[in-house]
Amino acid sequence: MKKFINLSKVFSFLLFSFAFLISCGTEEDPASQTIQVNLSETSVSIGTPISFTASSSLAGDITTQATFFVNDTQIEGNTFTPTAVNPSNQVYAVYEGIQSPSLTFASIEEIPSEYTQKVLVEDYTGTWCVYCPRMASILEYLSDYSENIIPVGIHAPGAPTDPWAYEYALDMMVKYSAQGAPKGKFNRIHVVNQYEDTSLCPFDPELYKPQADPFLNQTAKLGLAINSNLSGSNLTIDVKVGFAVDALEEARLVVYLIEDGLTYNQHNGFSGSGLTCDPNYNYSAMPHPIPNFPQKHVLLKSYTDVYGDVIPQSAIANGAIWSRQLNVQLPSNVTNAQNLSIVAFVLGEGSTIQTRPVINVQSAKINTNQPFD
């Protein structure tokens, strides 16, 4: 009898052990857990957020518990905003030490449906030039008229010495028939008429504004974007040209460094003349020279050939974007780096320097990103 009881106990133990093994075998091994990441989009424009979710084969939605990585860098939360073009950004999630397979998404340059036509106005001037305040006023009128007019002051050498005399000013004045400062040019090759007023001293802004209209009221064939970064005296400039046409003959890029906020004694041939001048710029009542006269949008340097670096014809197509990066140094004549800006423009559609106009132009303060507009 005792033997039977012992056998029964053994049998019960074996049955319990078998049942336990079977029950354990039906539970999924935690090591077999898998993680999956999902994307809200597969392609986004630069500056547009993209969001991610994550799920576990055991725990379901784990988006708030998972850690996300984009291009092997951990991000905050589950949203990422790309800042650069990349056709194959990699994203994955990590949860409880388990990493999901990576998925790919593209960050692309957003191209506007059309570009804004802007106009470059170059003023050949000098602190030594007695009648150059005239063009300074006209340039102010035009700049106030439209934010799409981008002014540049090109200082020529003279006596007494101009501290911002541009190295190629005289050559440009010859090539563009701009000898005898002051001279103004729309889009490099078209003359600004300084003598709309009956007086030699400008006094009515409305007389000058219509000169800009034919250049402003055009359909833009391209647009430009500028991004720059200044570290010490090291300057990186990224310029992008977006095309709205399939062909642009003789296309060339020019990139200027400009400084504002400058002052210097300005020679003034209007002093004591009795001429009627704009009350805001009453040069006839001002001394000769005018002390601390504002010297605006002064050209310090061209980081390309001043007549333009060639843009490959193979890069030009409707909807295409061509990029150029410049890694350069600030010139020694910078007064205040906080007042610097970049002006970039494309020349084209002319077989010679003298006949090749500006197609479009863009301006951006240093250390800022100016997108296409």
Protein backbone atom coordinates (compact mmCIF):
# COMPACT_ATOMS: atom_id res chain seq x y z
CA MET A 1 0.00 0.00 0.00
CA LYS A 2 2.83 2.37 0.98
CA LYS A 3 4.52 1.60 -2.35
CA PHE A 4 1.33 2.50 -4.22
CA ILE A 5 1.08 5.84 -2.41
CA ASN A 6 4.70 6.66 -3.27
CA LEU A 7 4.11 5.79 -6.90
CA SER A 8 1.05 8.05 -6.92
CA LYS A 9 3.13 10.94 -5.55
CA VAL A 10 5.76 10.38 -8.21
CA PHE A 11 3.10 10.28 -10.90
CA SER A 12 1.47 13.50 -9.60
CA PHE A 13 4.85 15.27 -9.55
CA LEU A 14 5.62 14.21 -13.11
CA LEU A 15 2.16 15.31 -14.29
CA PHE A 16 2.58 18.75 -12.59
CA SER A 17 6.03 19.19 -14.10
CA PHE A 18 4.77 18.31 -17.56
CA ALA A 19 1.87 20.74 -17.26
CA PHE A 20 4.25 23.47 -16.10
CA LEU A 21 6.58 22.91 -19.05
CA ILE A 22 3.67 23.02 -21.47
CA SER A 23 2.33 26.27 -19.97
CA CYS A 24 5.77 27.90 -20.10
CA GLY A 25 6.24 26.80 -23.68
CA THR A 26 3.11 28.66 -24.81
CA GLU A 27 4.42 32.09 -23.65
CA GLU A 28 6.43 34.07 -26.25
CA ASP A 29 10.10 34.46 -25.43
CA PRO A 30 10.83 38.15 -24.69
CA ALA A 31 13.96 37.82 -26.83
CA SER A 32 11.74 37.32 -29.88
CA GLN A 33 10.18 40.82 -29.51
CA THR A 34 10.49 42.92 -32.67
CA ILE A 35 10.28 46.70 -33.14
CA GLN A 36 8.89 48.48 -36.20
CA VAL A 37 9.23 52.19 -37.05
CA ASN A 38 6.81 54.04 -39.36
CA LEU A 39 7.01 57.40 -41.17
CA SER A 40 4.36 60.07 -41.67
CA GLU A 41 5.95 60.88 -45.06
CA THR A 42 8.59 59.40 -47.31
CA SER A 43 9.66 62.82 -48.67
CA VAL A 44 9.55 66.26 -47.02
CA SER A 45 10.76 69.73 -47.88
CA ILE A 46 13.61 71.29 -45.93
CA GLY A 47 12.14 73.04 -42.91
CA THR A 48 9.03 70.83 -42.83
CA PRO A 49 8.64 68.47 -39.83
CA ILE A 50 8.29 64.71 -40.30
CA SER A 51 6.97 62.47 -37.49
CA PHE A 52 7.65 58.84 -36.61
CA THR A 53 5.78 56.13 -34.71
CA ALA A 54 7.03 52.85 -33.28
CA SER A 55 5.32 49.59 -32.41
CA SER A 56 6.33 46.41 -30.60
CA SER A 57 5.20 42.89 -31.45
CA LEU A 58 4.48 42.44 -27.72
CA ALA A 59 3.57 45.89 -26.35
CA GLY A 60 1.81 47.49 -29.33
CA ASP A 61 2.24 51.24 -29.77
CA ILE A 62 5.47 52.30 -28.05
CA THR A 63 5.93 55.71 -29.71
CA THR A 64 6.11 57.58 -26.42
CA GLN A 65 8.50 55.05 -24.85
CA ALA A 66 10.86 54.53 -27.79
CA THR A 67 13.94 56.58 -28.64
CA PHE A 68 14.31 57.69 -32.26
CA PHE A 69 17.51 58.22 -34.21
CA VAL A 70 17.93 60.07 -37.52
CA ASN A 71 21.19 59.48 -39.35
CA ASP A 72 22.52 57.83 -36.16
CA THR A 73 21.81 60.93 -34.04
CA GLN A 74 19.21 60.77 -31.26
CA ILE A 75 16.37 63.25 -31.70
CA GLU A 76 14.01 64.84 -29.19
CA GLY A 77 10.65 63.11 -29.19
CA ASN A 78 9.35 61.63 -32.42
CA THR A 79 9.48 64.67 -34.74
CA PHE A 80 12.38 65.78 -36.92
CA THR A 81 12.80 68.87 -39.11
CA PRO A 82 15.44 68.49 -41.85
CA THR A 83 17.70 71.44 -42.59
CA ALA A 84 19.62 70.05 -45.57
CA VAL A 85 18.96 68.17 -48.76
CA ASN A 86 19.44 64.43 -48.29
CA PRO A 87 17.83 61.80 -50.54
CA SER A 88 18.36 58.99 -48.02
CA ASN A 89 17.94 60.03 -44.38
CA GLN A 90 17.92 56.95 -42.12
CA VAL A 91 15.57 56.63 -39.13
CA TYR A 92 15.21 53.84 -36.57
CA ALA A 93 13.76 53.35 -33.08
CA VAL A 94 15.19 51.71 -29.96
CA TYR A 95 13.02 50.18 -27.21
CA GLU A 96 14.17 48.05 -24.28
CA GLY A 97 17.56 47.66 -25.95
CA ILE A 98 16.03 46.38 -29.19
CA GLN A 99 16.61 48.35 -32.41
CA SER A 100 14.14 48.44 -35.26
CA PRO A 101 15.16 48.08 -38.90
CA SER A 102 15.95 51.46 -40.51
CA LEU A 103 13.61 53.25 -42.90
CA THR A 104 14.60 55.92 -45.42
CA PHE A 105 13.05 59.31 -46.17
CA ALA A 106 14.16 62.15 -48.45
CA SER A 107 14.55 65.83 -47.51
CA ILE A 108 14.27 67.98 -50.61
CA GLU A 109 14.63 71.61 -51.62
CA GLU A 110 11.27 73.31 -51.87
CA ILE A 111 11.03 75.13 -55.18
CA PRO A 112 8.42 77.89 -55.51
CA SER A 113 5.99 77.69 -58.38
CA GLU A 114 7.46 80.97 -59.59
CA TYR A 115 10.30 83.26 -58.54
CA THR A 116 10.22 86.93 -57.58
CA GLN A 117 11.88 89.22 -60.09
CA LYS A 118 14.39 91.51 -58.39
CA VAL A 119 16.58 94.28 -59.75
CA LEU A 120 20.23 95.14 -59.14
CA VAL A 121 21.14 98.83 -59.15
CA GLU A 122 24.87 99.61 -59.09
CA ASP A 123 26.07 103.09 -58.23
CA TYR A 124 29.58 104.03 -59.37
CA THR A 125 30.60 106.51 -56.70
CA GLY A 126 33.42 107.82 -54.50
CA THR A 127 33.87 109.82 -51.33
CA TRP A 128 35.99 112.22 -53.41
CA CYS A 129 33.22 112.69 -56.01
CA VAL A 130 31.54 116.10 -55.67
CA TYR A 131 28.21 115.20 -57.32
CA CYS A 132 27.92 111.61 -56.07
CA PRO A 133 25.40 112.58 -53.36
CA ARG A 134 22.95 112.91 -56.28
CA MET A 135 23.04 109.17 -57.06
CA ALA A 136 23.01 108.40 -53.34
CA SER A 137 19.60 110.07 -53.12
CA ILE A 138 18.30 108.36 -56.25
CA LEU A 139 19.43 105.00 -54.93
CA GLU A 140 17.59 105.73 -51.69
CA TYR A 141 14.44 106.62 -53.65
CA LEU A 142 14.60 103.37 -55.61
CA SER A 143 15.30 101.24 -52.52
CA ASP A 144 12.34 102.79 -50.71
CA TYR A 145 10.16 102.22 -53.76
CA SER A 146 10.52 98.44 -53.75
CA GLU A 147 12.12 95.87 -51.47
CA ASN A 148 12.91 93.96 -54.66
CA ILE A 149 15.46 96.59 -55.69
CA ILE A 150 18.92 95.66 -54.41
CA PRO A 151 21.45 98.53 -54.36
CA VAL A 152 25.25 98.26 -54.46
CA GLY A 153 27.75 101.10 -54.17
CA ILE A 154 30.91 100.56 -56.22
CA HIS A 155 33.55 103.01 -55.01
CA ALA A 156 36.12 104.11 -57.56
CA PRO A 157 39.61 105.36 -56.71
CA GLY A 158 40.16 109.11 -56.62
CA ALA A 159 41.71 111.96 -54.66
CA PRO A 160 41.56 112.26 -51.75
CA THR A 161 41.75 108.50 -51.25
CA ASP A 162 38.50 106.61 -50.90
CA PRO A 163 38.91 103.93 -48.19
CA TRP A 164 36.60 101.55 -50.08
CA ALA A 165 37.90 101.94 -53.61
CA TYR A 166 37.03 98.65 -55.30
CA GLU A 167 39.89 96.90 -57.08
CA TYR A 168 38.06 96.44 -60.40
CA ALA A 169 35.94 99.60 -60.34
CA LEU A 170 37.82 101.40 -63.12
CA ASP A 171 37.75 98.37 -65.39
CA MET A 172 34.01 97.97 -64.81
CA MET A 173 33.41 101.65 -65.51
CA VAL A 174 35.12 101.29 -68.88
CA LYS A 175 33.36 98.07 -69.84
CA TYR A 176 29.92 99.35 -68.82
CA SER A 177 30.36 102.90 -70.13
CA ALA A 178 30.09 104.29 -66.61
CA GLN A 179 33.06 106.69 -66.63
CA GLY A 180 32.65 109.95 -64.79
CA ALA A 181 31.03 109.22 -61.43
CA PRO A 182 28.31 109.31 -60.41
CA LYS A 183 26.81 106.75 -62.74
CA GLY A 184 23.97 104.33 -62.06
CA LYS A 185 23.14 101.09 -63.86
CA PHE A 186 20.09 98.85 -63.71
CA ASN A 187 21.03 95.18 -63.98
CA ARG A 188 24.61 96.04 -64.94
CA ILE A 189 24.00 97.45 -68.42
CA HIS A 190 20.98 99.83 -68.39
CA VAL A 191 21.50 103.50 -67.53
CA VAL A 192 19.82 105.15 -64.55
CA ASN A 193 18.73 108.61 -65.67
CA GLN A 194 19.88 111.02 -62.96
CA TYR A 195 18.34 114.08 -64.58
CA GLU A 196 14.60 113.53 -64.29
CA ASP A 197 14.38 116.63 -62.09
CA THR A 198 14.59 120.14 -63.52
CA SER A 199 17.15 120.76 -60.78
CA LEU A 200 20.51 119.02 -60.84
CA CYS A 201 19.88 118.18 -57.19
CA PRO A 202 17.20 115.46 -56.77
CA PHE A 203 14.04 116.62 -55.00
CA ASP A 204 11.10 114.47 -56.22
CA PRO A 205 11.28 110.69 -55.63
CA GLU A 206 8.26 110.03 -57.85
CA LEU A 207 10.20 111.10 -60.93
CA TYR A 208 12.71 108.25 -60.57
CA LYS A 209 10.57 105.30 -59.53
CA PRO A 210 9.07 104.59 -62.99
CA GLN A 211 12.56 103.86 -64.33
CA ALA A 212 12.61 100.64 -62.32
CA ASP A 213 9.21 99.35 -63.41
CA PRO A 214 10.24 97.72 -66.71
CA PHE A 215 12.84 95.65 -64.85
CA LEU A 216 10.59 94.76 -61.92
CA ASN A 217 7.60 93.81 -64.05
CA GLN A 218 9.15 90.79 -65.70
CA THR A 219 8.57 87.08 -65.34
CA ALA A 220 11.56 85.73 -63.46
CA LYS A 221 13.56 83.10 -65.32
CA LEU A 222 15.34 81.99 -62.17
CA GLY A 223 15.62 82.60 -58.46
CA LEU A 224 18.45 82.51 -55.95
CA ALA A 225 18.83 81.28 -52.37
CA ILE A 226 21.74 82.28 -50.10
CA ASN A 227 22.99 80.78 -46.85
CA SER A 228 26.20 81.91 -45.15
CA ASN A 229 28.18 81.17 -42.01
CA LEU A 230 30.94 83.34 -40.59
CA SER A 231 33.39 81.90 -38.04
CA GLY A 232 36.14 84.36 -37.20
CA SER A 233 37.37 85.49 -40.61
CA ASN A 234 36.31 82.24 -42.33
CA LEU A 235 33.20 82.64 -44.42
CA THR A 236 31.20 79.86 -46.05
CA ILE A 237 28.66 80.94 -48.67
CA ASP A 238 26.15 78.56 -50.23
CA VAL A 239 24.33 79.90 -53.27
CA LYS A 240 21.59 78.00 -55.07
CA VAL A 241 20.12 78.94 -58.42
CA GLY A 242 16.70 77.57 -59.27
CA PHE A 243 15.69 77.69 -62.92
CA ALA A 244 12.25 78.32 -64.43
CA VAL A 245 13.48 77.95 -68.01
CA ASP A 246 15.08 75.16 -70.00
CA ALA A 247 17.85 77.31 -71.47
CA LEU A 248 19.81 80.40 -70.49
CA GLU A 249 22.71 81.32 -72.71
CA GLU A 250 25.97 82.62 -71.22
CA ALA A 251 24.77 82.12 -67.63
CA ARG A 252 27.25 83.32 -65.01
CA LEU A 253 27.18 83.71 -61.22
CA VAL A 254 28.54 86.71 -59.31
CA VAL A 255 28.79 86.80 -55.50
CA TYR A 256 29.45 90.13 -53.74
CA LEU A 257 30.38 90.96 -50.15
CA ILE A 258 28.65 94.19 -49.06
CA GLU A 259 28.99 96.32 -45.92
CA ASP A 260 26.51 98.85 -44.54
CA GLY A 261 26.67 101.23 -41.59
CA LEU A 262 29.75 103.06 -42.87
CA THR A 263 30.36 106.81 -42.76
CA TYR A 264 33.01 109.08 -44.23
CA ASN A 265 33.51 112.69 -45.24
CA GLN A 266 31.77 113.14 -48.60
CA HIS A 267 32.74 115.81 -51.11
CA ASN A 268 29.71 117.93 -51.97
CA GLY A 269 29.56 120.04 -55.11
CA PHE A 270 26.02 121.21 -54.29
CA SER A 271 27.15 123.10 -51.18
CA GLY A 272 26.09 126.77 -51.36
CA SER A 273 24.67 126.35 -54.87
CA GLY A 274 21.15 127.47 -53.99
CA LEU A 275 19.72 124.53 -55.98
CA THR A 276 16.38 123.05 -54.92
CA CYS A 277 17.05 119.75 -53.22
CA ASP A 278 14.94 117.20 -51.39
CA PRO A 279 14.51 118.56 -47.83
CA ASN A 280 15.66 115.16 -46.53
CA TYR A 281 18.83 115.44 -48.61
CA ASN A 282 19.33 119.20 -48.84
CA TYR A 283 22.88 119.10 -50.13
CA SER A 284 22.92 122.77 -51.12
CA ALA A 285 22.62 123.68 -47.43
CA MET A 286 25.26 121.15 -46.34
CA PRO A 287 28.99 121.87 -46.09
CA HIS A 288 31.72 120.70 -48.40
CA PRO A 289 32.74 118.09 -47.51
CA ILE A 290 29.76 116.61 -45.62
CA PRO A 291 31.18 115.08 -42.42
CA ASN A 292 30.29 111.48 -41.60
CA PHE A 293 28.12 111.05 -44.68
CA PRO A 294 26.42 107.60 -44.78
CA GLN A 295 28.19 105.28 -47.19
CA LYS A 296 25.63 102.56 -47.83
CA HIS A 297 25.76 99.05 -49.36
CA VAL A 298 29.47 99.36 -50.14
CA LEU A 299 31.02 96.65 -52.33
CA LEU A 300 34.08 95.26 -50.53
CA LYS A 301 34.86 92.20 -52.64
CA SER A 302 33.59 89.84 -55.31
CA TYR A 303 34.20 86.21 -54.39
CA THR A 304 33.71 85.19 -58.00
CA ASP A 305 35.03 86.75 -61.16
CA VAL A 306 33.35 90.16 -61.10
CA TYR A 307 32.03 89.40 -64.61
CA GLY A 308 30.76 86.03 -63.45
CA ASP A 309 31.76 82.39 -63.09
CA VAL A 310 30.25 80.15 -65.75
CA ILE A 311 27.21 78.08 -64.82
CA PRO A 312 27.30 74.80 -66.79
CA GLN A 313 24.64 74.62 -69.48
CA SER A 314 24.02 71.03 -68.44
CA ALA A 315 22.78 72.33 -65.06
CA ILE A 316 20.08 74.53 -66.59
CA ALA A 317 16.58 73.10 -66.91
CA ASN A 318 13.12 74.11 -65.79
CA GLY A 319 12.78 72.97 -62.16
CA ALA A 320 16.49 72.26 -61.74
CA ILE A 321 18.67 73.64 -58.94
CA TRP A 322 22.38 74.37 -59.33
CA SER A 323 24.51 74.92 -56.22
CA ARG A 324 27.83 76.59 -55.54
CA GLN A 325 29.73 76.69 -52.25
CA LEU A 326 32.46 79.24 -51.55
CA ASN A 327 34.87 78.88 -48.61
CA VAL A 328 36.59 82.25 -48.37
CA GLN A 329 38.21 84.80 -46.07
CA LEU A 330 36.94 88.22 -45.07
CA PRO A 331 38.96 91.02 -46.65
CA SER A 332 41.03 93.32 -44.44
CA ASN A 333 38.81 96.36 -45.11
CA VAL A 334 35.80 95.03 -43.16
CA THR A 335 34.80 97.52 -40.45
CA ASN A 336 32.02 95.65 -38.68
CA ALA A 337 31.21 92.06 -39.60
CA GLN A 338 27.71 92.46 -38.14
CA ASN A 339 26.89 94.82 -41.02
CA LEU A 340 27.93 92.46 -43.81
CA SER A 341 25.63 90.93 -46.38
CA ILE A 342 25.89 88.79 -49.48
CA VAL A 343 24.54 89.85 -52.86
CA ALA A 344 24.43 87.11 -55.49
CA PHE A 345 23.17 87.44 -59.04
CA VAL A 346 23.12 85.63 -62.35
CA LEU A 347 24.13 87.25 -65.62
CA GLY A 348 23.10 85.85 -68.98
CA GLU A 349 21.66 86.22 -72.46
CA GLY A 350 24.48 88.34 -73.83
CA SER A 351 27.45 87.32 -75.96
CA THR A 352 29.73 89.98 -74.44
CA ILE A 353 30.29 91.53 -71.03
CA GLN A 354 28.82 94.79 -72.26
CA THR A 355 25.57 93.17 -73.43
CA ARG A 356 25.04 90.59 -70.66
CA PRO A 357 22.42 91.80 -68.13
CA VAL A 358 21.52 90.57 -64.68
CA ILE A 359 18.74 87.98 -64.95
CA ASN A 360 17.91 87.99 -61.23
CA VAL A 361 19.52 88.92 -57.93
CA GLN A 362 19.24 88.05 -54.24
CA SER A 363 20.54 89.58 -51.02
CA ALA A 364 20.97 88.15 -47.50
CA LYS A 365 22.54 89.32 -44.26
CA ILE A 366 25.61 87.41 -43.14
CA ASN A 367 24.90 84.30 -41.03
CA THR A 368 21.32 84.05 -42.29
CA ASN A 369 19.51 81.69 -44.61
CA GLN A 370 17.59 83.38 -47.41
CA PRO A 371 15.48 80.73 -49.19
CA PHE A 372 14.10 80.95 -52.68
CA ASP A 373 11.32 83.49 -53.03
